[in-house]
Amino acid sequence: MSDQDVPVEPEWPTKCPVCGTELASAVIDFDKTNQNRAELQPGEMVEVDYCPNPDCPTNQGDAAG
């Protein structure tokens, strides 16, 4: 058996790369006509991880820039 036969699981960050705070997650619904239910509807909703620390630079103004 070679190394190519072993599936590689991608590493998923659990802490903010900027401030080190434990990441939180939320579901964003792009279709505002949906009922308020927890089911994830592909193409309409996405689950995201974010830094909940209000003092983190990623939460200050334009974090993308």
N, C-alpha and C. Protein backbone atom coordinates (compact mmCIF):
# COMPACT_ATOMS: atom_id res chain seq x y z
N MET A 1 0.85 -1.18 0.00
CA MET A 1 0.00 0.00 0.00
C MET A 1 0.89 1.24 0.00
N SER A 2 0.57 2.19 -0.84
CA SER A 2 1.37 3.40 -0.93
C SER A 2 0.66 4.56 -0.24
N ASP A 3 1.36 5.68 -0.13
CA ASP A 3 0.78 6.88 0.48
C ASP A 3 -0.37 7.43 -0.35
N GLN A 4 -0.40 7.11 -1.63
CA GLN A 4 -1.46 7.62 -2.49
C GLN A 4 -2.80 6.94 -2.21
N ASP A 5 -2.78 5.76 -1.58
CA ASP A 5 -4.01 5.04 -1.29
C ASP A 5 -4.74 5.58 -0.06
N VAL A 6 -4.04 6.35 0.77
CA VAL A 6 -4.62 6.86 2.01
C VAL A 6 -5.25 8.22 1.75
N PRO A 7 -6.57 8.34 1.96
CA PRO A 7 -7.20 9.65 1.74
C PRO A 7 -6.68 10.68 2.75
N VAL A 8 -6.44 11.87 2.25
CA VAL A 8 -5.92 12.94 3.08
C VAL A 8 -7.07 13.86 3.48
N GLU A 9 -7.28 13.98 4.78
CA GLU A 9 -8.32 14.88 5.28
C GLU A 9 -7.74 16.30 5.35
N PRO A 10 -8.40 17.27 4.76
CA PRO A 10 -7.89 18.64 4.85
C PRO A 10 -7.98 19.16 6.29
N GLU A 11 -7.02 19.98 6.65
CA GLU A 11 -7.06 20.58 7.98
C GLU A 11 -8.05 21.73 7.97
N TRP A 12 -8.91 21.76 8.97
CA TRP A 12 -9.91 22.81 9.08
C TRP A 12 -9.57 23.63 10.31
N PRO A 13 -9.35 24.94 10.15
CA PRO A 13 -8.97 25.75 11.31
C PRO A 13 -10.08 25.81 12.36
N THR A 14 -9.68 25.81 13.62
CA THR A 14 -10.64 25.93 14.71
C THR A 14 -10.44 27.23 15.48
N LYS A 15 -9.35 27.92 15.17
CA LYS A 15 -9.05 29.19 15.84
C LYS A 15 -8.80 30.26 14.79
N CYS A 16 -9.11 31.51 15.13
CA CYS A 16 -8.89 32.64 14.23
C CYS A 16 -7.38 32.77 13.96
N PRO A 17 -6.96 32.86 12.69
CA PRO A 17 -5.55 32.97 12.39
C PRO A 17 -4.96 34.33 12.80
N VAL A 18 -5.81 35.31 13.09
CA VAL A 18 -5.33 36.65 13.45
C VAL A 18 -5.20 36.80 14.96
N CYS A 19 -6.25 36.44 15.71
CA CYS A 19 -6.23 36.69 17.16
C CYS A 19 -6.21 35.41 18.01
N GLY A 20 -6.45 34.25 17.41
CA GLY A 20 -6.40 32.99 18.14
C GLY A 20 -7.67 32.61 18.87
N THR A 21 -8.74 33.39 18.74
CA THR A 21 -10.01 33.08 19.38
C THR A 21 -10.65 31.87 18.71
N GLU A 22 -11.31 31.01 19.51
CA GLU A 22 -12.02 29.86 18.98
C GLU A 22 -13.10 30.35 18.01
N LEU A 23 -13.13 29.77 16.79
CA LEU A 23 -14.09 30.19 15.79
C LEU A 23 -15.50 29.73 16.14
N ALA A 24 -16.49 30.51 15.75
CA ALA A 24 -17.90 30.16 15.88
C ALA A 24 -18.43 29.90 14.47
N SER A 25 -19.60 29.28 14.36
CA SER A 25 -20.17 29.04 13.04
C SER A 25 -21.61 29.53 13.02
N ALA A 26 -22.06 29.83 11.82
CA ALA A 26 -23.43 30.31 11.63
C ALA A 26 -23.89 29.91 10.23
N VAL A 27 -25.20 29.84 10.05
CA VAL A 27 -25.79 29.56 8.74
C VAL A 27 -26.36 30.86 8.20
N ILE A 28 -25.99 31.17 6.97
CA ILE A 28 -26.49 32.37 6.30
C ILE A 28 -27.47 31.92 5.23
N ASP A 29 -28.67 32.48 5.26
CA ASP A 29 -29.72 32.15 4.30
C ASP A 29 -29.79 33.27 3.28
N PHE A 30 -29.48 32.94 2.02
CA PHE A 30 -29.49 33.95 0.96
C PHE A 30 -30.90 34.19 0.42
N ASP A 31 -31.81 33.25 0.64
CA ASP A 31 -33.19 33.38 0.16
C ASP A 31 -34.07 33.78 1.33
N LYS A 32 -34.39 35.04 1.44
CA LYS A 32 -35.15 35.56 2.59
C LYS A 32 -36.60 35.11 2.59
N THR A 33 -37.06 34.42 1.52
CA THR A 33 -38.43 33.93 1.50
C THR A 33 -38.55 32.56 2.17
N ASN A 34 -37.41 31.94 2.55
CA ASN A 34 -37.45 30.64 3.23
C ASN A 34 -38.03 30.78 4.62
N GLN A 35 -38.67 29.70 5.07
CA GLN A 35 -39.14 29.67 6.45
C GLN A 35 -37.92 29.57 7.36
N ASN A 36 -38.05 30.00 8.61
CA ASN A 36 -36.95 29.98 9.56
C ASN A 36 -36.79 28.57 10.12
N ARG A 37 -36.12 27.69 9.35
CA ARG A 37 -35.87 26.31 9.76
C ARG A 37 -34.37 26.04 9.67
N ALA A 38 -33.95 25.02 10.40
CA ALA A 38 -32.52 24.74 10.50
C ALA A 38 -31.95 23.95 9.33
N GLU A 39 -32.76 23.39 8.44
CA GLU A 39 -32.24 22.58 7.34
C GLU A 39 -31.40 23.43 6.40
N LEU A 40 -30.24 22.88 6.04
CA LEU A 40 -29.36 23.55 5.08
C LEU A 40 -29.84 23.23 3.67
N GLN A 41 -30.20 24.24 2.92
CA GLN A 41 -30.71 24.06 1.57
C GLN A 41 -29.61 24.47 0.58
N PRO A 42 -28.96 23.50 -0.09
CA PRO A 42 -27.86 23.82 -0.99
C PRO A 42 -28.26 24.86 -2.03
N GLY A 43 -27.37 25.80 -2.26
CA GLY A 43 -27.63 26.85 -3.24
C GLY A 43 -28.32 28.05 -2.64
N GLU A 44 -28.93 27.89 -1.49
CA GLU A 44 -29.63 28.99 -0.84
C GLU A 44 -29.01 29.36 0.49
N MET A 45 -28.31 28.40 1.10
CA MET A 45 -27.74 28.64 2.43
C MET A 45 -26.28 28.19 2.45
N VAL A 46 -25.54 28.77 3.36
CA VAL A 46 -24.14 28.39 3.53
C VAL A 46 -23.80 28.46 5.01
N GLU A 47 -23.00 27.51 5.48
CA GLU A 47 -22.52 27.55 6.86
C GLU A 47 -21.12 28.12 6.84
N VAL A 48 -20.86 29.10 7.68
CA VAL A 48 -19.57 29.77 7.71
C VAL A 48 -18.99 29.75 9.12
N ASP A 49 -17.66 29.76 9.19
CA ASP A 49 -16.96 29.95 10.45
C ASP A 49 -16.52 31.40 10.51
N TYR A 50 -16.59 31.98 11.71
CA TYR A 50 -16.20 33.37 11.86
C TYR A 50 -15.60 33.59 13.24
N CYS A 51 -14.87 34.68 13.38
CA CYS A 51 -14.28 35.03 14.66
C CYS A 51 -15.28 35.88 15.44
N PRO A 52 -15.71 35.40 16.62
CA PRO A 52 -16.69 36.14 17.40
C PRO A 52 -16.08 37.26 18.25
N ASN A 53 -14.77 37.41 18.24
CA ASN A 53 -14.09 38.43 19.04
C ASN A 53 -14.32 39.81 18.42
N PRO A 54 -15.06 40.71 19.09
CA PRO A 54 -15.34 42.03 18.52
C PRO A 54 -14.09 42.90 18.39
N ASP A 55 -13.03 42.59 19.13
CA ASP A 55 -11.79 43.37 19.06
C ASP A 55 -10.82 42.84 18.00
N CYS A 56 -11.14 41.72 17.35
CA CYS A 56 -10.28 41.14 16.32
C CYS A 56 -10.24 42.06 15.10
N PRO A 57 -9.06 42.27 14.52
CA PRO A 57 -8.98 43.11 13.31
C PRO A 57 -9.83 42.61 12.14
N THR A 58 -10.18 41.31 12.11
CA THR A 58 -11.03 40.81 11.04
C THR A 58 -12.45 41.34 11.15
N ASN A 59 -12.84 41.87 12.29
CA ASN A 59 -14.17 42.41 12.50
C ASN A 59 -14.20 43.94 12.46
N GLN A 60 -13.11 44.54 12.05
CA GLN A 60 -13.02 46.00 12.03
C GLN A 60 -13.16 46.50 10.60
N GLY A 61 -14.29 47.09 10.29
CA GLY A 61 -14.49 47.72 8.99
C GLY A 61 -14.39 46.73 7.84
N ASP A 62 -13.58 47.06 6.83
CA ASP A 62 -13.42 46.25 5.63
C ASP A 62 -12.33 45.21 5.86
N ALA A 63 -12.71 44.03 6.32
CA ALA A 63 -11.74 42.97 6.62
C ALA A 63 -11.14 42.38 5.36
N ALA A 64 -11.85 42.50 4.22
CA ALA A 64 -11.35 41.91 2.99
C ALA A 64 -10.18 42.71 2.41
N GLY A 65 -10.10 43.97 2.74
CA GLY A 65 -9.07 44.82 2.15
C GLY A 65 -7.90 44.90 3.01
